[in-house]
């Protein structure tokens, strides 16, 4: 397995990042996860645009997106596989211990791991912790993911693949690594980005391709929604069959089934859908 580290490919056993890298010591970094099918990344342009937005939000030096594209292509070519998780990580680089950022410049790492297609249905739980819709990192895809690690571990303990958060005012927000959609009276809704959720790439495409409405939703909408599904880079559109103790009969339902089909068809027709 070969990875890209600061300008060159390396065997994974030889790849090195300093133990004083700010991404490691304080989580000062941003990242993107990109689905790659037979070496072809999906929606790479949108992912790179979000990488740049997240970097700007942290005050990191603007990434050279041409270099990142080159790194992605090199890693994909060096590691052929049917379905891969392409991970782009961009950090504050070598820095002093503490929150002050150093002057050596950022670190860029691109790696690829094999994955498999997700099941059509899954179970989720809700967790007692909240997303801060007014936080400094809101809307940024940063490497500060420990909160998600804790919540996802709770989900796995309960036989679920995802945990869903409310925000600080009790509105439905997002999962640890996914966005959530619900069907109410036959219409498709998803929380707006003002809820504090990440502006997911798959979420945006699903909204564009299905006409879903961005709606401020109470957390208890999960108790009575006719259908629920998750979106993310590796889930695409995935139906939810169980929320906490509630089974959703006949999942995936008709609206979810249509969304799954539309997403699959549109993604296959255009592997790099650009921002409208």
Foldseek 3Di string as FASTA:
>chain_A
DWKDKDHDIDDPVPDDADCQFCCNQPQAKFKDKFKAAQLRTFQVVVRLVLRQVLCVLSVADRDPVVVVVVRSSVQSVVDGDGIKIKMWMKGLGRQDRDDDGDDPHIMIMIHIDDDDADDQEWAEEEDPDAAELPDSNQQHRTSPQVVLVVQQVVQVVVRTRWYWHFHPVQWGEQISAWFKWFADPNAIEGADSSRRHHPAPLVVVLCVQQVHYHDTGGPCCVVPTQWMWIDHNRNSTHTYQYYDHDGRPPPPDDSSVVSVVRSVVVCVVPRRDDDD
